[in-house]
């Protein structure tokens, strides 16, 4: 997963607040939304592939995917938390 020291340097590109590793519950919820075709990223594009890992804003409002162990910290790629 993500090195804790590296994680401590990462921030939300929109709010500049720290990020944390998404919980199993958050990942389950976003993957259920993806499976139903109900997940769109902030850029308006439908998310079609399930996520194995993600980072979340400290308030849990937005999730950023981690693809091939690389956090995708583009504001347009964020998905609103479900639930």
PDB file of N, CA and C in Angstrom:
ATOM      1  N   UNK A   1       0.849  -1.190   0.000  1.00  0.00           N
ATOM      2  CA  UNK A   1       0.000   0.000   0.000  1.00  0.00           C
ATOM      3  C   UNK A   1       0.889   1.246   0.000  1.00  0.00           C
ATOM      4  N   UNK A   2       0.382   2.332   0.476  1.00  0.00           N
ATOM      5  CA  UNK A   2       1.106   3.595   0.430  1.00  0.00           C
ATOM      6  C   UNK A   2       1.963   3.757   1.690  1.00  0.00           C
ATOM      7  N   UNK A   3       3.200   4.140   1.474  1.00  0.00           N
ATOM      8  CA  UNK A   3       4.107   4.415   2.574  1.00  0.00           C
ATOM      9  C   UNK A   3       3.515   5.541   3.438  1.00  0.00           C
ATOM     10  N   UNK A   4       3.458   5.367   4.752  1.00  0.00           N
ATOM     11  CA  UNK A   4       2.867   6.389   5.626  1.00  0.00           C
ATOM     12  C   UNK A   4       3.528   7.768   5.495  1.00  0.00           C
ATOM     13  N   UNK A   5       4.839   7.800   5.286  1.00  0.00           N
ATOM     14  CA  UNK A   5       5.528   9.084   5.123  1.00  0.00           C
ATOM     15  C   UNK A   5       5.087   9.775   3.836  1.00  0.00           C
ATOM     16  N   UNK A   6       4.959   8.995   2.759  1.00  0.00           N
ATOM     17  CA  UNK A   6       4.486   9.534   1.488  1.00  0.00           C
ATOM     18  C   UNK A   6       3.040  10.010   1.627  1.00  0.00           C
ATOM     19  N   UNK A   7       2.200   9.210   2.275  1.00  0.00           N
ATOM     20  CA  UNK A   7       0.803   9.582   2.480  1.00  0.00           C
ATOM     21  C   UNK A   7       0.699  10.914   3.221  1.00  0.00           C
ATOM     22  N   UNK A   8       1.588  11.138   4.170  1.00  0.00           N
ATOM     23  CA  UNK A   8       1.575  12.388   4.934  1.00  0.00           C
ATOM     24  C   UNK A   8       1.842  13.618   4.087  1.00  0.00           C
ATOM     25  N   UNK A   9       2.400  13.448   2.900  1.00  0.00           N
ATOM     26  CA  UNK A   9       2.677  14.578   2.004  1.00  0.00           C
ATOM     27  C   UNK A   9       1.538  14.844   1.025  1.00  0.00           C
ATOM     28  N   UNK A  10       0.620  13.902   0.911  1.00  0.00           N
ATOM     29  CA  UNK A  10      -0.443  14.031  -0.092  1.00  0.00           C
ATOM     30  C   UNK A  10      -1.605  14.858   0.428  1.00  0.00           C
ATOM     31  N   UNK A  11      -2.142  15.703  -0.450  1.00  0.00           N
ATOM     32  CA  UNK A  11      -3.290  16.535  -0.107  1.00  0.00           C
ATOM     33  C   UNK A  11      -4.306  16.498  -1.238  1.00  0.00           C
ATOM     34  N   UNK A  12      -5.529  16.825  -0.918  1.00  0.00           N
ATOM     35  CA  UNK A  12      -6.581  16.949  -1.916  1.00  0.00           C
ATOM     36  C   UNK A  12      -6.219  18.107  -2.848  1.00  0.00           C
ATOM     37  N   UNK A  13      -6.231  17.903  -4.153  1.00  0.00           N
ATOM     38  CA  UNK A  13      -5.869  18.983  -5.065  1.00  0.00           C
ATOM     39  C   UNK A  13      -6.859  20.153  -5.056  1.00  0.00           C
ATOM     40  N   UNK A  14      -8.075  19.914  -4.595  1.00  0.00           N
ATOM     41  CA  UNK A  14      -9.078  20.986  -4.565  1.00  0.00           C
ATOM     42  C   UNK A  14      -9.034  21.789  -3.267  1.00  0.00           C
ATOM     43  N   UNK A  15      -8.963  21.080  -2.132  1.00  0.00           N
ATOM     44  CA  UNK A  15      -9.046  21.758  -0.830  1.00  0.00           C
ATOM     45  C   UNK A  15      -7.697  21.933  -0.149  1.00  0.00           C
ATOM     46  N   UNK A  16      -6.698  21.188  -0.604  1.00  0.00           N
ATOM     47  CA  UNK A  16      -5.354  21.181  -0.014  1.00  0.00           C
ATOM     48  C   UNK A  16      -5.327  20.583   1.393  1.00  0.00           C
ATOM     49  N   UNK A  17      -6.384  19.889   1.777  1.00  0.00           N
ATOM     50  CA  UNK A  17      -6.429  19.219   3.071  1.00  0.00           C
ATOM     51  C   UNK A  17      -5.815  17.828   2.943  1.00  0.00           C
ATOM     52  N   UNK A  18      -5.301  17.274   4.045  1.00  0.00           N
ATOM     53  CA  UNK A  18      -4.666  15.951   3.994  1.00  0.00           C
ATOM     54  C   UNK A  18      -5.623  14.864   3.516  1.00  0.00           C
ATOM     55  N   UNK A  19      -5.025  13.817   2.980  1.00  0.00           N
ATOM     56  CA  UNK A  19      -5.785  12.645   2.546  1.00  0.00           C
ATOM     57  C   UNK A  19      -5.468  11.475   3.464  1.00  0.00           C
ATOM     58  N   UNK A  20      -6.343  10.494   3.450  1.00  0.00           N
ATOM     59  CA  UNK A  20      -6.157   9.264   4.214  1.00  0.00           C
ATOM     60  C   UNK A  20      -6.527   8.098   3.321  1.00  0.00           C
ATOM     61  N   UNK A  21      -6.130   6.905   3.727  1.00  0.00           N
ATOM     62  CA  UNK A  21      -6.509   5.713   2.989  1.00  0.00           C
ATOM     63  C   UNK A  21      -8.005   5.485   3.178  1.00  0.00           C
ATOM     64  N   UNK A  22      -8.708   5.228   2.100  1.00  0.00           N
ATOM     65  CA  UNK A  22     -10.151   4.965   2.174  1.00  0.00           C
ATOM     66  C   UNK A  22     -10.405   3.677   2.954  1.00  0.00           C
ATOM     67  N   UNK A  23     -11.483   3.663   3.696  1.00  0.00           N
ATOM     68  CA  UNK A  23     -11.844   2.474   4.465  1.00  0.00           C
ATOM     69  C   UNK A  23     -12.416   1.403   3.546  1.00  0.00           C
ATOM     70  N   UNK A  24     -12.484   0.185   4.056  1.00  0.00           N
ATOM     71  CA  UNK A  24     -13.081  -0.908   3.292  1.00  0.00           C
ATOM     72  C   UNK A  24     -14.535  -0.589   2.964  1.00  0.00           C
ATOM     73  N   UNK A  25     -15.240   0.027   3.894  1.00  0.00           N
ATOM     74  CA  UNK A  25     -16.633   0.402   3.658  1.00  0.00           C
ATOM     75  C   UNK A  25     -16.783   1.430   2.560  1.00  0.00           C
ATOM     76  N   UNK A  26     -15.886   2.406   2.525  1.00  0.00           N
ATOM     77  CA  UNK A  26     -15.926   3.424   1.472  1.00  0.00           C
ATOM     78  C   UNK A  26     -15.654   2.794   0.108  1.00  0.00           C
ATOM     79  N   UNK A  27     -14.680   1.887   0.062  1.00  0.00           N
ATOM     80  CA  UNK A  27     -14.381   1.208  -1.206  1.00  0.00           C
ATOM     81  C   UNK A  27     -15.545   0.350  -1.664  1.00  0.00           C
ATOM     82  N   UNK A  28     -16.161  -0.363  -0.734  1.00  0.00           N
ATOM     83  CA  UNK A  28     -17.320  -1.199  -1.078  1.00  0.00           C
ATOM     84  C   UNK A  28     -18.433  -0.335  -1.649  1.00  0.00           C
ATOM     85  N   UNK A  29     -18.705   0.794  -1.006  1.00  0.00           N
ATOM     86  CA  UNK A  29     -19.791   1.665  -1.463  1.00  0.00           C
ATOM     87  C   UNK A  29     -19.518   2.229  -2.853  1.00  0.00           C
ATOM     88  N   UNK A  30     -18.295   2.683  -3.097  1.00  0.00           N
ATOM     89  CA  UNK A  30     -17.999   3.246  -4.417  1.00  0.00           C
ATOM     90  C   UNK A  30     -18.017   2.150  -5.479  1.00  0.00           C
ATOM     91  N   UNK A  31     -17.532   0.962  -5.146  1.00  0.00           N
ATOM     92  CA  UNK A  31     -17.559  -0.135  -6.121  1.00  0.00           C
ATOM     93  C   UNK A  31     -18.978  -0.613  -6.413  1.00  0.00           C
ATOM     94  N   UNK A  32     -19.867  -0.549  -5.440  1.00  0.00           N
ATOM     95  CA  UNK A  32     -21.270  -0.882  -5.701  1.00  0.00           C
ATOM     96  C   UNK A  32     -21.888   0.149  -6.639  1.00  0.00           C
ATOM     97  N   UNK A  33     -21.565   1.420  -6.425  1.00  0.00           N
ATOM     98  CA  UNK A  33     -22.074   2.468  -7.322  1.00  0.00           C
ATOM     99  C   UNK A  33     -21.522   2.288  -8.734  1.00  0.00           C
ATOM    100  N   UNK A  34     -20.245   1.919  -8.836  1.00  0.00           N
ATOM    101  CA  UNK A  34     -19.644   1.674 -10.148  1.00  0.00           C
ATOM    102  C   UNK A  34     -20.355   0.515 -10.837  1.00  0.00           C
ATOM    103  N   UNK A  35     -20.598  -0.564 -10.109  1.00  0.00           N
ATOM    104  CA  UNK A  35     -21.263  -1.745 -10.685  1.00  0.00           C
ATOM    105  C   UNK A  35     -22.671  -1.423 -11.169  1.00  0.00           C
ATOM    106  N   UNK A  36     -23.350  -0.498 -10.504  1.00  0.00           N
ATOM    107  CA  UNK A  36     -24.708  -0.098 -10.894  1.00  0.00           C
ATOM    108  C   UNK A  36     -24.708   0.941 -12.018  1.00  0.00           C
ATOM    109  N   UNK A  37     -23.524   1.420 -12.378  1.00  0.00           N
ATOM    110  CA  UNK A  37     -23.445   2.466 -13.403  1.00  0.00           C
ATOM    111  C   UNK A  37     -23.797   3.834 -12.868  1.00  0.00           C
ATOM    112  N   UNK A  38     -23.737   4.002 -11.550  1.00  0.00           N
ATOM    113  CA  UNK A  38     -24.161   5.254 -10.922  1.00  0.00           C
ATOM    114  C   UNK A  38     -22.994   6.142 -10.485  1.00  0.00           C
ATOM    115  N   UNK A  39     -21.770   5.749 -10.770  1.00  0.00           N
ATOM    116  CA  UNK A  39     -20.615   6.538 -10.320  1.00  0.00           C
ATOM    117  C   UNK A  39     -20.059   7.384 -11.451  1.00  0.00           C
ATOM    118  N   UNK A  40     -19.978   8.674 -11.183  1.00  0.00           N
ATOM    119  CA  UNK A  40     -19.348   9.609 -12.118  1.00  0.00           C
ATOM    120  C   UNK A  40     -18.293  10.380 -11.345  1.00  0.00           C
ATOM    121  N   UNK A  41     -17.207  10.680 -12.031  1.00  0.00           N
ATOM    122  CA  UNK A  41     -16.194  11.485 -11.366  1.00  0.00           C
ATOM    123  C   UNK A  41     -16.546  12.963 -11.455  1.00  0.00           C
ATOM    124  N   UNK A  42     -15.777  13.775 -10.772  1.00  0.00           N
ATOM    125  CA  UNK A  42     -16.044  15.214 -10.721  1.00  0.00           C
ATOM    126  C   UNK A  42     -16.018  15.826 -12.117  1.00  0.00           C
ATOM    127  N   UNK A  43     -15.297  15.217 -13.047  1.00  0.00           N
ATOM    128  CA  UNK A  43     -15.240  15.701 -14.421  1.00  0.00           C
ATOM    129  C   UNK A  43     -16.461  15.320 -15.246  1.00  0.00           C
ATOM    130  N   UNK A  44     -17.366  14.498 -14.659  1.00  0.00           N
ATOM    131  CA  UNK A  44     -18.600  14.123 -15.339  1.00  0.00           C
ATOM    132  C   UNK A  44     -18.523  12.826 -16.127  1.00  0.00           C
ATOM    133  N   UNK A  45     -17.384  12.151 -16.078  1.00  0.00           N
ATOM    134  CA  UNK A  45     -17.209  10.898 -16.799  1.00  0.00           C
ATOM    135  C   UNK A  45     -17.640   9.720 -15.937  1.00  0.00           C
ATOM    136  N   UNK A  46     -18.354   8.787 -16.541  1.00  0.00           N
ATOM    137  CA  UNK A  46     -18.771   7.588 -15.811  1.00  0.00           C
ATOM    138  C   UNK A  46     -17.544   6.759 -15.458  1.00  0.00           C
ATOM    139  N   UNK A  47     -17.519   6.263 -14.238  1.00  0.00           N
ATOM    140  CA  UNK A  47     -16.443   5.381 -13.784  1.00  0.00           C
ATOM    141  C   UNK A  47     -16.932   3.957 -14.014  1.00  0.00           C
ATOM    142  N   UNK A  48     -16.180   3.179 -14.770  1.00  0.00           N
ATOM    143  CA  UNK A  48     -16.653   1.847 -15.159  1.00  0.00           C
ATOM    144  C   UNK A  48     -15.840   0.702 -14.574  1.00  0.00           C
ATOM    145  N   UNK A  49     -14.636   0.976 -14.098  1.00  0.00           N
ATOM    146  CA  UNK A  49     -13.793  -0.089 -13.541  1.00  0.00           C
ATOM    147  C   UNK A  49     -13.776  -0.001 -12.021  1.00  0.00           C
ATOM    148  N   UNK A  50     -13.910  -1.144 -11.363  1.00  0.00           N
ATOM    149  CA  UNK A  50     -13.877  -1.193  -9.904  1.00  0.00           C
ATOM    150  C   UNK A  50     -12.520  -0.724  -9.391  1.00  0.00           C
ATOM    151  N   UNK A  51     -12.517  -0.176  -8.193  1.00  0.00           N
ATOM    152  CA  UNK A  51     -11.297   0.308  -7.553  1.00  0.00           C
ATOM    153  C   UNK A  51     -10.813  -0.700  -6.532  1.00  0.00           C
ATOM    154  N   UNK A  52      -9.527  -0.970  -6.531  1.00  0.00           N
ATOM    155  CA  UNK A  52      -8.923  -1.854  -5.529  1.00  0.00           C
ATOM    156  C   UNK A  52      -8.497  -1.063  -4.303  1.00  0.00           C
ATOM    157  N   UNK A  53      -8.220   0.232  -4.496  1.00  0.00           N
ATOM    158  CA  UNK A  53      -7.781   1.090  -3.399  1.00  0.00           C
ATOM    159  C   UNK A  53      -8.091   2.530  -3.748  1.00  0.00           C
ATOM    160  N   UNK A  54      -8.149   3.363  -2.713  1.00  0.00           N
ATOM    161  CA  UNK A  54      -8.440   4.778  -2.929  1.00  0.00           C
ATOM    162  C   UNK A  54      -7.946   5.590  -1.741  1.00  0.00           C
ATOM    163  N   UNK A  55      -7.830   6.878  -1.964  1.00  0.00           N
ATOM    164  CA  UNK A  55      -7.568   7.829  -0.893  1.00  0.00           C
ATOM    165  C   UNK A  55      -8.839   8.653  -0.709  1.00  0.00           C
ATOM    166  N   UNK A  56      -9.063   9.077   0.514  1.00  0.00           N
ATOM    167  CA  UNK A  56     -10.258   9.857   0.828  1.00  0.00           C
ATOM    168  C   UNK A  56      -9.859  11.183   1.458  1.00  0.00           C
ATOM    169  N   UNK A  57     -10.685  12.190   1.243  1.00  0.00           N
ATOM    170  CA  UNK A  57     -10.475  13.441   1.953  1.00  0.00           C
ATOM    171  C   UNK A  57     -10.752  13.185   3.432  1.00  0.00           C
ATOM    172  N   UNK A  58     -10.203  14.012   4.291  1.00  0.00           N
ATOM    173  CA  UNK A  58     -10.345  13.766   5.729  1.00  0.00           C
ATOM    174  C   UNK A  58     -11.801  13.749   6.175  1.00  0.00           C
ATOM    175  N   UNK A  59     -12.660  14.488   5.480  1.00  0.00           N
ATOM    176  CA  UNK A  59     -14.087  14.476   5.837  1.00  0.00           C
ATOM    177  C   UNK A  59     -14.845  13.349   5.147  1.00  0.00           C
ATOM    178  N   UNK A  60     -14.158  12.589   4.295  1.00  0.00           N
ATOM    179  CA  UNK A  60     -14.779  11.458   3.619  1.00  0.00           C
ATOM    180  C   UNK A  60     -15.699  11.826   2.475  1.00  0.00           C
ATOM    181  N   UNK A  61     -15.688  13.076   2.054  1.00  0.00           N
ATOM    182  CA  UNK A  61     -16.606  13.523   1.004  1.00  0.00           C
ATOM    183  C   UNK A  61     -16.192  13.074  -0.399  1.00  0.00           C
ATOM    184  N   UNK A  62     -14.884  12.958  -0.647  1.00  0.00           N
ATOM    185  CA  UNK A  62     -14.390  12.628  -1.983  1.00  0.00           C
ATOM    186  C   UNK A  62     -13.376  11.507  -1.908  1.00  0.00           C
ATOM    187  N   UNK A  63     -13.376  10.673  -2.935  1.00  0.00           N
ATOM    188  CA  UNK A  63     -12.431   9.577  -3.046  1.00  0.00           C
ATOM    189  C   UNK A  63     -11.621   9.736  -4.328  1.00  0.00           C
ATOM    190  N   UNK A  64     -10.324   9.439  -4.220  1.00  0.00           N
ATOM    191  CA  UNK A  64      -9.418   9.467  -5.358  1.00  0.00           C
ATOM    192  C   UNK A  64      -8.906   8.051  -5.586  1.00  0.00           C
ATOM    193  N   UNK A  65      -8.961   7.560  -6.813  1.00  0.00           N
ATOM    194  CA  UNK A  65      -8.526   6.186  -7.069  1.00  0.00           C
ATOM    195  C   UNK A  65      -7.010   6.027  -6.953  1.00  0.00           C
ATOM    196  N   UNK A  66      -6.612   4.820  -6.603  1.00  0.00           N
ATOM    197  CA  UNK A  66      -5.208   4.426  -6.662  1.00  0.00           C
ATOM    198  C   UNK A  66      -5.137   3.352  -7.738  1.00  0.00           C
ATOM    199  N   UNK A  67      -4.382   3.626  -8.798  1.00  0.00           N
ATOM    200  CA  UNK A  67      -4.269   2.715  -9.929  1.00  0.00           C
ATOM    201  C   UNK A  67      -2.825   2.246 -10.053  1.00  0.00           C
ATOM    202  N   UNK A  68      -2.625   0.932 -10.035  1.00  0.00           N
ATOM    203  CA  UNK A  68      -1.273   0.362 -10.114  1.00  0.00           C
ATOM    204  C   UNK A  68      -0.352   0.981  -9.060  1.00  0.00           C
ATOM    205  N   UNK A  69      -0.872   1.142  -7.845  1.00  0.00           N
ATOM    206  CA  UNK A  69      -0.139   1.705  -6.701  1.00  0.00           C
ATOM    207  C   UNK A  69       0.189   3.190  -6.861  1.00  0.00           C
ATOM    208  N   UNK A  70      -0.454   3.863  -7.804  1.00  0.00           N
ATOM    209  CA  UNK A  70      -0.223   5.294  -8.022  1.00  0.00           C
ATOM    210  C   UNK A  70      -1.509   6.057  -7.707  1.00  0.00           C
ATOM    211  N   UNK A  71      -1.475   6.962  -6.702  1.00  0.00           N
ATOM    212  CA  UNK A  71      -2.651   7.780  -6.422  1.00  0.00           C
ATOM    213  C   UNK A  71      -2.922   8.736  -7.591  1.00  0.00           C
ATOM    214  N   UNK A  72      -4.158   8.744  -8.057  1.00  0.00           N
ATOM    215  CA  UNK A  72      -4.549   9.633  -9.156  1.00  0.00           C
ATOM    216  C   UNK A  72      -5.171  10.886  -8.530  1.00  0.00           C
ATOM    217  N   UNK A  73      -4.327  11.870  -8.274  1.00  0.00           N
ATOM    218  CA  UNK A  73      -4.776  13.066  -7.570  1.00  0.00           C
ATOM    219  C   UNK A  73      -5.080  14.215  -8.515  1.00  0.00           C
ATOM    220  N   UNK A  74      -5.977  13.942  -9.421  1.00  0.00           N
ATOM    221  CA  UNK A  74      -6.513  14.966 -10.324  1.00  0.00           C
ATOM    222  C   UNK A  74      -7.918  15.274  -9.847  1.00  0.00           C
ATOM    223  N   UNK A  75      -8.208  16.526  -9.665  1.00  0.00           N
ATOM    224  CA  UNK A  75      -9.516  16.925  -9.149  1.00  0.00           C
ATOM    225  C   UNK A  75     -10.653  16.323  -9.974  1.00  0.00           C
ATOM    226  N   UNK A  76     -10.473  16.270 -11.284  1.00  0.00           N
ATOM    227  CA  UNK A  76     -11.528  15.752 -12.163  1.00  0.00           C
ATOM    228  C   UNK A  76     -11.755  14.259 -11.986  1.00  0.00           C
ATOM    229  N   UNK A  77     -10.827  13.524 -11.390  1.00  0.00           N
ATOM    230  CA  UNK A  77     -10.961  12.074 -11.205  1.00  0.00           C
ATOM    231  C   UNK A  77     -11.623  11.696  -9.879  1.00  0.00           C
ATOM    232  N   UNK A  78     -11.834  12.639  -9.002  1.00  0.00           N
ATOM    233  CA  UNK A  78     -12.446  12.366  -7.710  1.00  0.00           C
ATOM    234  C   UNK A  78     -13.909  11.934  -7.879  1.00  0.00           C
ATOM    235  N   UNK A  79     -14.324  11.022  -7.028  1.00  0.00           N
ATOM    236  CA  UNK A  79     -15.719  10.561  -7.011  1.00  0.00           C
ATOM    237  C   UNK A  79     -16.302  10.898  -5.641  1.00  0.00           C
ATOM    238  N   UNK A  80     -17.503  11.445  -5.652  1.00  0.00           N
ATOM    239  CA  UNK A  80     -18.170  11.754  -4.392  1.00  0.00           C
ATOM    240  C   UNK A  80     -18.428  10.473  -3.616  1.00  0.00           C
ATOM    241  N   UNK A  81     -18.193  10.527  -2.324  1.00  0.00           N
ATOM    242  CA  UNK A  81     -18.437   9.369  -1.469  1.00  0.00           C
ATOM    243  C   UNK A  81     -19.918   9.002  -1.502  1.00  0.00           C
ATOM    244  N   UNK A  82     -20.180   7.729  -1.435  1.00  0.00           N
ATOM    245  CA  UNK A  82     -21.548   7.197  -1.463  1.00  0.00           C
ATOM    246  C   UNK A  82     -21.949   6.844  -0.046  1.00  0.00           C
ATOM    247  N   UNK A  83     -23.175   7.157   0.278  1.00  0.00           N
ATOM    248  CA  UNK A  83     -23.645   6.730   1.595  1.00  0.00           C
ATOM    249  C   UNK A  83     -23.903   7.859   2.439  1.00  0.00           C
TER     250      UNK A  83
END
